[in-house]
Amino acid sequence: MTAPACAFPVQLRQPSVSGLSQVTSSLYISSGLAANNKSMLSSHQITTIINVSVEVVNTYYENIQYMRVPVADTPVSRLCDFFDPIADHIHSVEMKQGHTLLHCAAGVSRSATLCIAYLMKYHAMSLLDAHVWTKSCRPIIRPNNGFWEQLIHYEFQLFGKNTVHMVSSPVGMIPDIYEKEVRWMIPL
């Protein structure tokens, strides 16, 4: 069941790309390197770390719960199988006043995708709004096209409509929010 709608979570910190990027009062995303930085984890009171990778090895610290989502960053990987379980877990940590860190290798594709799925489910945000919000908190996010297709399907499951669509472009199928960017890259 989803929580009541709220326009956007409260932005608490400046956007970050090298450290932990705060998305909500209890959710952060980062790279694998930042996820293994004990002082960063401590200063953000992280109680749960969700490693969304097959390649990053966590250093285990006391009083932190660890979970692993062993998914490669490829368009054919089924990250959607983890949308509900991970969103539910992040919500449950928040209900216990904990703080969750989602990370993958770079904090760009896999962790951002699960973060967006969580925002759609528990903050009743559209896919477009969840992406805009997450990108405002961590400007380097860019889910791969396969993850975009899965998020589009998930948004339709949750809300019965879509705010982002896959469209044809000179570089193949892309989310429509990247159309302008691709036009600037491809000479006419």
N, C-alpha and C. Protein backbone atom coordinates (compact mmCIF):
# COMPACT_ATOMS: atom_id res chain seq x y z
N MET A 1 0.85 -1.19 0.00
CA MET A 1 0.00 0.00 0.00
C MET A 1 0.89 1.25 0.00
N THR A 2 0.51 2.22 -0.73
CA THR A 2 1.33 3.42 -0.81
C THR A 2 0.92 4.43 0.26
N ALA A 3 1.87 5.29 0.59
CA ALA A 3 1.64 6.34 1.57
C ALA A 3 0.89 7.48 0.89
N PRO A 4 0.33 8.40 1.67
CA PRO A 4 -0.36 9.54 1.07
C PRO A 4 0.60 10.35 0.20
N ALA A 5 0.04 10.99 -0.81
CA ALA A 5 0.85 11.77 -1.74
C ALA A 5 1.44 12.99 -1.06
N CYS A 6 2.67 13.30 -1.42
CA CYS A 6 3.27 14.56 -1.01
C CYS A 6 4.00 15.08 -2.24
N ALA A 7 4.01 16.37 -2.44
CA ALA A 7 4.58 16.93 -3.65
C ALA A 7 6.02 16.48 -3.84
N PHE A 8 6.90 16.85 -2.95
CA PHE A 8 8.29 16.42 -3.00
C PHE A 8 8.78 16.28 -1.57
N PRO A 9 9.68 15.33 -1.32
CA PRO A 9 10.28 15.27 0.01
C PRO A 9 11.04 16.58 0.25
N VAL A 10 11.29 16.89 1.48
CA VAL A 10 11.98 18.13 1.81
C VAL A 10 13.47 18.00 1.46
N GLN A 11 13.99 18.94 0.68
CA GLN A 11 15.43 18.91 0.35
C GLN A 11 16.20 19.41 1.56
N LEU A 12 17.07 18.54 2.07
CA LEU A 12 17.78 18.86 3.30
C LEU A 12 19.22 19.29 3.08
N ARG A 13 19.82 18.86 1.99
CA ARG A 13 21.22 19.15 1.75
C ARG A 13 21.42 19.56 0.29
N GLN A 14 22.62 20.09 0.01
CA GLN A 14 22.99 20.40 -1.36
C GLN A 14 23.20 19.10 -2.14
N PRO A 15 23.00 19.12 -3.45
CA PRO A 15 23.26 17.92 -4.24
C PRO A 15 24.71 17.47 -4.07
N SER A 16 24.91 16.17 -4.11
CA SER A 16 26.25 15.62 -3.95
C SER A 16 26.48 14.54 -4.99
N VAL A 17 27.70 14.44 -5.49
CA VAL A 17 28.02 13.36 -6.40
C VAL A 17 29.16 12.49 -5.87
N SER A 18 29.97 13.01 -4.97
CA SER A 18 31.11 12.23 -4.47
C SER A 18 30.79 11.52 -3.16
N GLY A 19 29.93 12.09 -2.37
CA GLY A 19 29.61 11.48 -1.08
C GLY A 19 28.26 10.81 -1.11
N LEU A 20 27.55 10.91 0.00
CA LEU A 20 26.20 10.37 0.09
C LEU A 20 25.23 11.47 -0.33
N SER A 21 24.34 11.14 -1.24
CA SER A 21 23.34 12.11 -1.72
C SER A 21 22.04 11.84 -0.98
N GLN A 22 21.56 12.82 -0.24
CA GLN A 22 20.33 12.66 0.54
C GLN A 22 19.12 12.89 -0.36
N VAL A 23 18.21 11.90 -0.39
CA VAL A 23 17.03 11.96 -1.24
C VAL A 23 15.79 12.27 -0.42
N THR A 24 15.68 11.67 0.75
CA THR A 24 14.60 11.97 1.70
C THR A 24 15.25 12.09 3.08
N SER A 25 14.45 12.32 4.10
CA SER A 25 15.02 12.44 5.44
C SER A 25 15.67 11.14 5.90
N SER A 26 15.33 10.02 5.26
CA SER A 26 15.89 8.74 5.70
C SER A 26 16.55 7.92 4.58
N LEU A 27 16.65 8.46 3.37
CA LEU A 27 17.21 7.70 2.25
C LEU A 27 18.32 8.46 1.55
N TYR A 28 19.42 7.76 1.31
CA TYR A 28 20.59 8.30 0.62
C TYR A 28 20.97 7.36 -0.51
N ILE A 29 21.65 7.89 -1.54
CA ILE A 29 22.26 7.03 -2.55
C ILE A 29 23.71 7.46 -2.72
N SER A 30 24.55 6.50 -3.15
CA SER A 30 25.97 6.80 -3.30
C SER A 30 26.64 5.77 -4.19
N SER A 31 27.93 5.97 -4.37
CA SER A 31 28.78 5.00 -5.05
C SER A 31 29.21 3.94 -4.03
N GLY A 32 29.83 2.89 -4.54
CA GLY A 32 30.37 1.85 -3.66
C GLY A 32 31.49 2.38 -2.79
N LEU A 33 32.30 3.27 -3.34
CA LEU A 33 33.41 3.83 -2.57
C LEU A 33 32.89 4.59 -1.35
N ALA A 34 31.91 5.45 -1.55
CA ALA A 34 31.35 6.23 -0.43
C ALA A 34 30.66 5.31 0.58
N ALA A 35 30.07 4.22 0.10
CA ALA A 35 29.35 3.29 0.98
C ALA A 35 30.30 2.55 1.93
N ASN A 36 31.58 2.57 1.64
CA ASN A 36 32.56 1.92 2.51
C ASN A 36 33.35 2.91 3.36
N ASN A 37 32.89 4.16 3.40
CA ASN A 37 33.56 5.20 4.18
C ASN A 37 32.88 5.30 5.55
N LYS A 38 33.54 4.76 6.56
CA LYS A 38 32.95 4.66 7.91
C LYS A 38 32.53 6.02 8.47
N SER A 39 33.35 7.04 8.29
CA SER A 39 32.99 8.34 8.86
C SER A 39 31.78 8.94 8.17
N MET A 40 31.66 8.75 6.85
CA MET A 40 30.48 9.23 6.13
C MET A 40 29.21 8.51 6.61
N LEU A 41 29.31 7.20 6.76
CA LEU A 41 28.16 6.41 7.22
C LEU A 41 27.74 6.86 8.61
N SER A 42 28.71 7.07 9.46
CA SER A 42 28.44 7.48 10.83
C SER A 42 27.83 8.88 10.89
N SER A 43 28.38 9.81 10.12
CA SER A 43 27.88 11.19 10.16
C SER A 43 26.46 11.31 9.61
N HIS A 44 26.03 10.35 8.78
CA HIS A 44 24.66 10.36 8.25
C HIS A 44 23.76 9.36 8.97
N GLN A 45 24.30 8.76 10.03
CA GLN A 45 23.54 7.82 10.87
C GLN A 45 22.90 6.69 10.06
N ILE A 46 23.68 6.12 9.13
CA ILE A 46 23.19 5.03 8.28
C ILE A 46 23.03 3.77 9.14
N THR A 47 21.84 3.16 9.05
CA THR A 47 21.57 1.93 9.80
C THR A 47 21.40 0.72 8.88
N THR A 48 21.15 0.98 7.60
CA THR A 48 20.97 -0.10 6.61
C THR A 48 21.67 0.29 5.31
N ILE A 49 22.42 -0.66 4.76
CA ILE A 49 23.06 -0.45 3.47
C ILE A 49 22.54 -1.51 2.51
N ILE A 50 22.05 -1.06 1.36
CA ILE A 50 21.58 -1.97 0.31
C ILE A 50 22.54 -1.83 -0.87
N ASN A 51 23.31 -2.88 -1.10
CA ASN A 51 24.30 -2.92 -2.17
C ASN A 51 23.65 -3.50 -3.42
N VAL A 52 23.44 -2.63 -4.42
CA VAL A 52 22.76 -3.04 -5.66
C VAL A 52 23.82 -3.27 -6.73
N SER A 53 24.62 -4.32 -6.52
CA SER A 53 25.68 -4.62 -7.49
C SER A 53 26.12 -6.06 -7.34
N VAL A 54 26.88 -6.50 -8.32
CA VAL A 54 27.53 -7.80 -8.23
C VAL A 54 29.03 -7.60 -8.00
N GLU A 55 29.52 -6.38 -8.27
CA GLU A 55 30.97 -6.16 -8.27
C GLU A 55 31.52 -5.44 -7.05
N VAL A 56 30.70 -4.75 -6.27
CA VAL A 56 31.21 -4.00 -5.12
C VAL A 56 31.14 -4.85 -3.86
N VAL A 57 32.27 -4.90 -3.16
CA VAL A 57 32.34 -5.64 -1.89
C VAL A 57 32.22 -4.63 -0.76
N ASN A 58 31.30 -4.88 0.16
CA ASN A 58 31.15 -3.98 1.31
C ASN A 58 32.13 -4.33 2.42
N THR A 59 32.58 -3.28 3.12
CA THR A 59 33.25 -3.45 4.39
C THR A 59 32.12 -3.45 5.41
N TYR A 60 32.08 -4.45 6.27
CA TYR A 60 30.97 -4.55 7.22
C TYR A 60 31.32 -3.82 8.50
N TYR A 61 30.43 -2.91 8.90
CA TYR A 61 30.60 -2.15 10.13
C TYR A 61 29.52 -2.55 11.13
N GLU A 62 29.87 -2.46 12.39
CA GLU A 62 28.95 -2.79 13.47
C GLU A 62 27.72 -1.89 13.45
N ASN A 63 26.59 -2.44 13.84
CA ASN A 63 25.32 -1.71 13.95
C ASN A 63 24.73 -1.25 12.62
N ILE A 64 25.21 -1.84 11.53
CA ILE A 64 24.62 -1.56 10.22
C ILE A 64 24.13 -2.88 9.64
N GLN A 65 22.88 -2.87 9.18
CA GLN A 65 22.31 -4.06 8.53
C GLN A 65 22.66 -3.97 7.04
N TYR A 66 23.08 -5.09 6.46
CA TYR A 66 23.46 -5.12 5.06
C TYR A 66 22.53 -6.02 4.25
N MET A 67 22.19 -5.56 3.05
CA MET A 67 21.41 -6.35 2.10
C MET A 67 22.13 -6.26 0.76
N ARG A 68 21.95 -7.28 -0.05
CA ARG A 68 22.56 -7.25 -1.39
C ARG A 68 21.49 -7.54 -2.44
N VAL A 69 21.51 -6.75 -3.50
CA VAL A 69 20.66 -6.97 -4.67
C VAL A 69 21.64 -7.26 -5.80
N PRO A 70 21.91 -8.55 -6.07
CA PRO A 70 22.96 -8.91 -7.03
C PRO A 70 22.52 -8.78 -8.48
N VAL A 71 22.53 -7.54 -8.99
CA VAL A 71 22.07 -7.26 -10.35
C VAL A 71 23.16 -6.49 -11.08
N ALA A 72 23.45 -6.92 -12.30
CA ALA A 72 24.43 -6.23 -13.15
C ALA A 72 23.76 -5.01 -13.80
N ASP A 73 24.57 -4.01 -14.13
CA ASP A 73 24.04 -2.80 -14.77
C ASP A 73 23.97 -3.01 -16.28
N THR A 74 23.04 -3.87 -16.70
CA THR A 74 22.82 -4.13 -18.12
C THR A 74 21.33 -3.96 -18.40
N PRO A 75 20.97 -3.54 -19.61
CA PRO A 75 19.56 -3.34 -19.94
C PRO A 75 18.69 -4.60 -19.81
N VAL A 76 19.30 -5.78 -19.87
CA VAL A 76 18.50 -7.01 -19.77
C VAL A 76 18.36 -7.50 -18.33
N SER A 77 19.05 -6.89 -17.38
CA SER A 77 18.93 -7.29 -15.96
C SER A 77 17.54 -6.95 -15.44
N ARG A 78 16.97 -7.86 -14.63
CA ARG A 78 15.62 -7.66 -14.10
C ARG A 78 15.68 -7.03 -12.70
N LEU A 79 15.91 -5.74 -12.66
CA LEU A 79 15.91 -5.02 -11.39
C LEU A 79 14.48 -4.87 -10.86
N CYS A 80 13.49 -4.93 -11.76
CA CYS A 80 12.08 -4.76 -11.36
C CYS A 80 11.63 -5.81 -10.35
N ASP A 81 12.27 -6.98 -10.33
CA ASP A 81 11.93 -8.01 -9.35
C ASP A 81 12.17 -7.51 -7.92
N PHE A 82 12.98 -6.48 -7.77
CA PHE A 82 13.34 -5.96 -6.45
C PHE A 82 12.63 -4.64 -6.10
N PHE A 83 11.83 -4.08 -7.04
CA PHE A 83 11.19 -2.79 -6.77
C PHE A 83 10.37 -2.82 -5.49
N ASP A 84 9.42 -3.73 -5.39
CA ASP A 84 8.56 -3.77 -4.20
C ASP A 84 9.31 -4.20 -2.94
N PRO A 85 10.07 -5.30 -2.95
CA PRO A 85 10.75 -5.70 -1.72
C PRO A 85 11.71 -4.63 -1.17
N ILE A 86 12.45 -3.97 -2.06
CA ILE A 86 13.40 -2.96 -1.59
C ILE A 86 12.66 -1.70 -1.13
N ALA A 87 11.66 -1.26 -1.87
CA ALA A 87 10.86 -0.10 -1.44
C ALA A 87 10.23 -0.37 -0.08
N ASP A 88 9.70 -1.57 0.11
CA ASP A 88 9.09 -1.94 1.38
C ASP A 88 10.12 -1.93 2.50
N HIS A 89 11.32 -2.42 2.20
CA HIS A 89 12.37 -2.46 3.23
C HIS A 89 12.82 -1.04 3.60
N ILE A 90 13.01 -0.18 2.61
CA ILE A 90 13.40 1.21 2.89
C ILE A 90 12.33 1.87 3.77
N HIS A 91 11.07 1.63 3.44
CA HIS A 91 9.96 2.19 4.22
C HIS A 91 9.98 1.66 5.65
N SER A 92 10.23 0.36 5.80
CA SER A 92 10.25 -0.23 7.14
C SER A 92 11.40 0.32 7.99
N VAL A 93 12.56 0.57 7.37
CA VAL A 93 13.69 1.18 8.09
C VAL A 93 13.30 2.59 8.53
N GLU A 94 12.65 3.33 7.64
CA GLU A 94 12.21 4.69 7.97
C GLU A 94 11.22 4.69 9.14
N MET A 95 10.31 3.73 9.16
CA MET A 95 9.31 3.64 10.24
C MET A 95 9.97 3.37 11.60
N LYS A 96 11.17 2.80 11.57
CA LYS A 96 11.93 2.53 12.81
C LYS A 96 12.93 3.65 13.09
N GLN A 97 12.78 4.79 12.41
CA GLN A 97 13.66 5.95 12.56
C GLN A 97 15.08 5.69 12.09
N GLY A 98 15.26 4.72 11.18
CA GLY A 98 16.59 4.43 10.65
C GLY A 98 16.87 5.19 9.37
N HIS A 99 18.08 5.02 8.85
CA HIS A 99 18.51 5.67 7.61
C HIS A 99 19.10 4.62 6.68
N THR A 100 18.63 4.62 5.44
CA THR A 100 19.07 3.64 4.44
C THR A 100 19.99 4.29 3.43
N LEU A 101 21.04 3.56 3.06
CA LEU A 101 21.91 3.96 1.95
C LEU A 101 21.78 2.92 0.86
N LEU A 102 21.34 3.36 -0.32
CA LEU A 102 21.30 2.53 -1.52
C LEU A 102 22.56 2.85 -2.31
N HIS A 103 23.32 1.84 -2.70
CA HIS A 103 24.48 2.13 -3.54
C HIS A 103 24.68 1.05 -4.58
N CYS A 104 25.34 1.44 -5.66
CA CYS A 104 25.78 0.48 -6.67
C CYS A 104 27.26 0.80 -6.87
N ALA A 105 27.80 0.62 -8.05
CA ALA A 105 29.22 0.92 -8.25
C ALA A 105 29.46 2.43 -8.26
N ALA A 106 28.69 3.16 -9.08
CA ALA A 106 28.90 4.60 -9.23
C ALA A 106 27.78 5.47 -8.65
N GLY A 107 26.66 4.85 -8.27
CA GLY A 107 25.54 5.65 -7.79
C GLY A 107 24.85 6.38 -8.92
N VAL A 108 24.79 5.72 -10.10
CA VAL A 108 24.25 6.36 -11.29
C VAL A 108 23.00 5.65 -11.82
N SER A 109 23.05 4.33 -11.95
CA SER A 109 21.97 3.61 -12.63
C SER A 109 21.14 2.73 -11.70
N ARG A 110 21.74 1.69 -11.11
CA ARG A 110 20.98 0.72 -10.32
C ARG A 110 20.40 1.31 -9.04
N SER A 111 21.23 2.01 -8.25
CA SER A 111 20.72 2.59 -7.00
C SER A 111 19.70 3.68 -7.31
N ALA A 112 19.93 4.46 -8.37
CA ALA A 112 18.97 5.51 -8.74
C ALA A 112 17.63 4.90 -9.15
N THR A 113 17.67 3.78 -9.86
CA THR A 113 16.44 3.12 -10.29
C THR A 113 15.61 2.66 -9.09
N LEU A 114 16.26 2.03 -8.12
CA LEU A 114 15.53 1.57 -6.93
C LEU A 114 15.03 2.75 -6.10
N CYS A 115 15.80 3.82 -6.07
CA CYS A 115 15.38 5.04 -5.37
C CYS A 115 14.11 5.60 -6.01
N ILE A 116 14.08 5.67 -7.33
CA ILE A 116 12.93 6.19 -8.06
C ILE A 116 11.70 5.31 -7.82
N ALA A 117 11.90 4.00 -7.84
CA ALA A 117 10.78 3.07 -7.58
C ALA A 117 10.22 3.29 -6.17
N TYR A 118 11.09 3.49 -5.19
CA TYR A 118 10.66 3.77 -3.82
C TYR A 118 9.84 5.06 -3.76
N LEU A 119 10.32 6.11 -4.40
CA LEU A 119 9.61 7.39 -4.38
C LEU A 119 8.23 7.27 -5.02
N MET A 120 8.13 6.48 -6.09
CA MET A 120 6.82 6.28 -6.71
C MET A 120 5.89 5.55 -5.76
N LYS A 121 6.37 4.49 -5.12
CA LYS A 121 5.51 3.68 -4.28
C LYS A 121 5.15 4.36 -2.97
N TYR A 122 6.13 4.93 -2.28
CA TYR A 122 5.87 5.45 -0.93
C TYR A 122 5.68 6.96 -0.84
N HIS A 123 5.98 7.68 -1.90
CA HIS A 123 5.73 9.12 -1.89
C HIS A 123 4.73 9.50 -2.98
N ALA A 124 4.14 8.48 -3.61
CA ALA A 124 3.11 8.66 -4.65
C ALA A 124 3.55 9.66 -5.71
N MET A 125 4.83 9.62 -6.06
CA MET A 125 5.36 10.51 -7.09
C MET A 125 5.27 9.82 -8.44
N SER A 126 4.98 10.59 -9.48
CA SER A 126 5.02 10.04 -10.84
C SER A 126 6.48 9.68 -11.15
N LEU A 127 6.67 8.88 -12.17
CA LEU A 127 8.03 8.54 -12.60
C LEU A 127 8.80 9.79 -12.97
N LEU A 128 8.17 10.68 -13.71
CA LEU A 128 8.83 11.92 -14.11
C LEU A 128 9.25 12.73 -12.89
N ASP A 129 8.34 12.93 -11.94
CA ASP A 129 8.67 13.71 -10.73
C ASP A 129 9.74 13.02 -9.89
N ALA A 130 9.66 11.70 -9.76
CA ALA A 130 10.65 10.95 -8.96
C ALA A 130 12.03 11.07 -9.60
N HIS A 131 12.09 11.03 -10.93
CA HIS A 131 13.37 11.19 -11.61
C HIS A 131 13.91 12.60 -11.43
N VAL A 132 13.06 13.60 -11.64
CA VAL A 132 13.49 15.00 -11.48
C VAL A 132 14.00 15.23 -10.05
N TRP A 133 13.27 14.71 -9.07
CA TRP A 133 13.67 14.89 -7.67
C TRP A 133 15.01 14.22 -7.39
N THR A 134 15.14 12.96 -7.80
CA THR A 134 16.37 12.22 -7.52
C THR A 134 17.55 12.88 -8.22
N LYS A 135 17.35 13.34 -9.44
CA LYS A 135 18.42 14.03 -10.18
C LYS A 135 18.78 15.35 -9.51
N SER A 136 17.82 16.01 -8.88
CA SER A 136 18.14 17.26 -8.17
C SER A 136 19.01 16.98 -6.94
N CYS A 137 18.88 15.79 -6.39
CA CYS A 137 19.67 15.40 -5.21
C CYS A 137 21.02 14.80 -5.60
N ARG A 138 21.05 14.13 -6.74
CA ARG A 138 22.28 13.48 -7.24
C ARG A 138 22.32 13.68 -8.76
N PRO A 139 22.91 14.77 -9.22
CA PRO A 139 22.83 15.16 -10.63
C PRO A 139 23.39 14.15 -11.64
N ILE A 140 24.18 13.19 -11.21
CA ILE A 140 24.79 12.25 -12.15
C ILE A 140 23.94 11.00 -12.43
N ILE A 141 22.74 10.91 -11.86
CA ILE A 141 21.96 9.68 -12.09
C ILE A 141 21.59 9.53 -13.56
N ARG A 142 21.55 8.28 -14.02
CA ARG A 142 21.11 7.99 -15.39
C ARG A 142 20.85 6.48 -15.49
N PRO A 143 19.64 6.05 -15.11
CA PRO A 143 19.31 4.63 -15.24
C PRO A 143 19.49 4.17 -16.70
N ASN A 144 19.93 2.92 -16.87
CA ASN A 144 20.07 2.43 -18.24
C ASN A 144 18.69 2.23 -18.87
N ASN A 145 18.64 2.09 -20.19
CA ASN A 145 17.35 2.05 -20.90
C ASN A 145 16.47 0.87 -20.50
N GLY A 146 17.08 -0.27 -20.18
CA GLY A 146 16.29 -1.41 -19.71
C GLY A 146 15.62 -1.10 -18.38
N PHE A 147 16.32 -0.41 -17.49
CA PHE A 147 15.74 -0.03 -16.20
C PHE A 147 14.63 1.00 -16.41
N TRP A 148 14.81 1.90 -17.39
CA TRP A 148 13.75 2.86 -17.70
C TRP A 148 12.48 2.13 -18.14
N GLU A 149 12.63 1.13 -18.99
CA GLU A 149 11.46 0.37 -19.44
C GLU A 149 10.76 -0.29 -18.25
N GLN A 150 11.54 -0.81 -17.31
CA GLN A 150 10.97 -1.44 -16.12
C GLN A 150 10.27 -0.41 -15.23
N LEU A 151 10.86 0.77 -15.08
CA LEU A 151 10.23 1.83 -14.29
C LEU A 151 8.93 2.30 -14.94
N ILE A 152 8.92 2.40 -16.26
CA ILE A 152 7.70 2.81 -16.98
C ILE A 152 6.59 1.79 -16.74
N HIS A 153 6.92 0.53 -16.81
CA HIS A 153 5.94 -0.54 -16.54
C HIS A 153 5.45 -0.46 -15.09
N TYR A 154 6.37 -0.22 -14.16
CA TYR A 154 6.03 -0.12 -12.73
C TYR A 154 5.11 1.07 -12.47
N GLU A 155 5.40 2.21 -13.10
CA GLU A 155 4.55 3.39 -12.94
C GLU A 155 3.12 3.07 -13.40
N PHE A 156 3.00 2.35 -14.51
CA PHE A 156 1.67 2.00 -15.00
C PHE A 156 0.97 1.06 -14.02
N GLN A 157 1.71 0.11 -13.45
CA GLN A 157 1.14 -0.79 -12.43
C GLN A 157 0.61 0.00 -11.24
N LEU A 158 1.39 0.97 -10.78
CA LEU A 158 1.02 1.75 -9.59
C LEU A 158 -0.12 2.73 -9.85
N PHE A 159 -0.07 3.43 -10.98
CA PHE A 159 -0.97 4.57 -11.19
C PHE A 159 -1.90 4.45 -12.40
N GLY A 160 -1.71 3.43 -13.25
CA GLY A 160 -2.56 3.26 -14.42
C GLY A 160 -2.30 4.24 -15.54
N LYS A 161 -1.17 4.94 -15.49
CA LYS A 161 -0.81 5.88 -16.55
C LYS A 161 0.70 6.07 -16.53
N ASN A 162 1.23 6.68 -17.58
CA ASN A 162 2.67 6.92 -17.66
C ASN A 162 2.97 8.38 -17.91
N THR A 163 4.06 8.84 -17.26
CA THR A 163 4.54 10.21 -17.45
C THR A 163 5.84 10.25 -18.25
N VAL A 164 6.42 9.07 -18.49
CA VAL A 164 7.63 8.94 -19.31
C VAL A 164 7.35 7.82 -20.30
N HIS A 165 7.84 7.98 -21.53
CA HIS A 165 7.64 6.96 -22.57
C HIS A 165 8.97 6.71 -23.27
N MET A 166 9.14 5.50 -23.77
CA MET A 166 10.31 5.19 -24.59
C MET A 166 10.00 5.65 -26.01
N VAL A 167 10.97 6.33 -26.64
CA VAL A 167 10.79 6.83 -28.00
C VAL A 167 12.00 6.45 -28.85
N SER A 168 11.78 6.39 -30.14
CA SER A 168 12.85 6.07 -31.07
C SER A 168 13.75 7.29 -31.25
N SER A 169 15.05 7.05 -31.33
CA SER A 169 16.01 8.13 -31.54
C SER A 169 17.15 7.60 -32.42
N PRO A 170 18.04 8.48 -32.88
CA PRO A 170 19.18 8.01 -33.69
C PRO A 170 20.08 7.02 -32.95
N VAL A 171 20.00 6.98 -31.63
CA VAL A 171 20.83 6.05 -30.85
C VAL A 171 20.00 4.87 -30.32
N GLY A 172 18.79 4.70 -30.84
CA GLY A 172 17.93 3.61 -30.39
C GLY A 172 16.81 4.13 -29.51
N MET A 173 16.13 3.22 -28.81
CA MET A 173 15.03 3.60 -27.93
C MET A 173 15.58 4.26 -26.67
N ILE A 174 14.99 5.41 -26.33
CA ILE A 174 15.41 6.15 -25.14
C ILE A 174 14.17 6.71 -24.44
N PRO A 175 14.29 7.05 -23.15
CA PRO A 175 13.17 7.73 -22.49
C PRO A 175 12.99 9.11 -23.13
N ASP A 176 11.74 9.54 -23.29
CA ASP A 176 11.48 10.82 -23.95
C ASP A 176 12.12 12.00 -23.24
N ILE A 177 12.42 11.88 -21.97
CA ILE A 177 13.06 13.00 -21.25
C ILE A 177 14.49 13.25 -21.72
N TYR A 178 15.08 12.30 -22.46
CA TYR A 178 16.44 12.48 -22.99
C TYR A 178 16.45 12.94 -24.44
N GLU A 179 15.28 13.17 -25.05
CA GLU A 179 15.23 13.52 -26.47
C GLU A 179 16.04 14.76 -26.82
N LYS A 180 15.88 15.84 -26.06
CA LYS A 180 16.60 17.08 -26.36
C LYS A 180 18.10 16.86 -26.26
N GLU A 181 18.52 16.16 -25.22
CA GLU A 181 19.92 15.88 -24.99
C GLU A 181 20.53 15.13 -26.18
N VAL A 182 19.83 14.13 -26.69
CA VAL A 182 20.31 13.34 -27.82
C VAL A 182 20.37 14.20 -29.08
N ARG A 183 19.38 15.07 -29.27
CA ARG A 183 19.40 15.96 -30.44
C ARG A 183 20.63 16.84 -30.45
N TRP A 184 21.07 17.31 -29.28
CA TRP A 184 22.25 18.16 -29.19
C TRP A 184 23.52 17.38 -29.52
N MET A 185 23.49 16.07 -29.25
CA MET A 185 24.69 15.24 -29.46
C MET A 185 24.84 14.79 -30.91
N ILE A 186 23.74 14.66 -31.63
CA ILE A 186 23.77 14.10 -32.98
C ILE A 186 23.68 15.24 -34.00
N PRO A 187 24.71 15.38 -34.86
CA PRO A 187 24.64 16.42 -35.88
C PRO A 187 23.54 16.08 -36.91
N LEU A 188 22.83 17.09 -37.35
CA LEU A 188 21.75 16.87 -38.32
C LEU A 188 22.24 16.82 -39.74
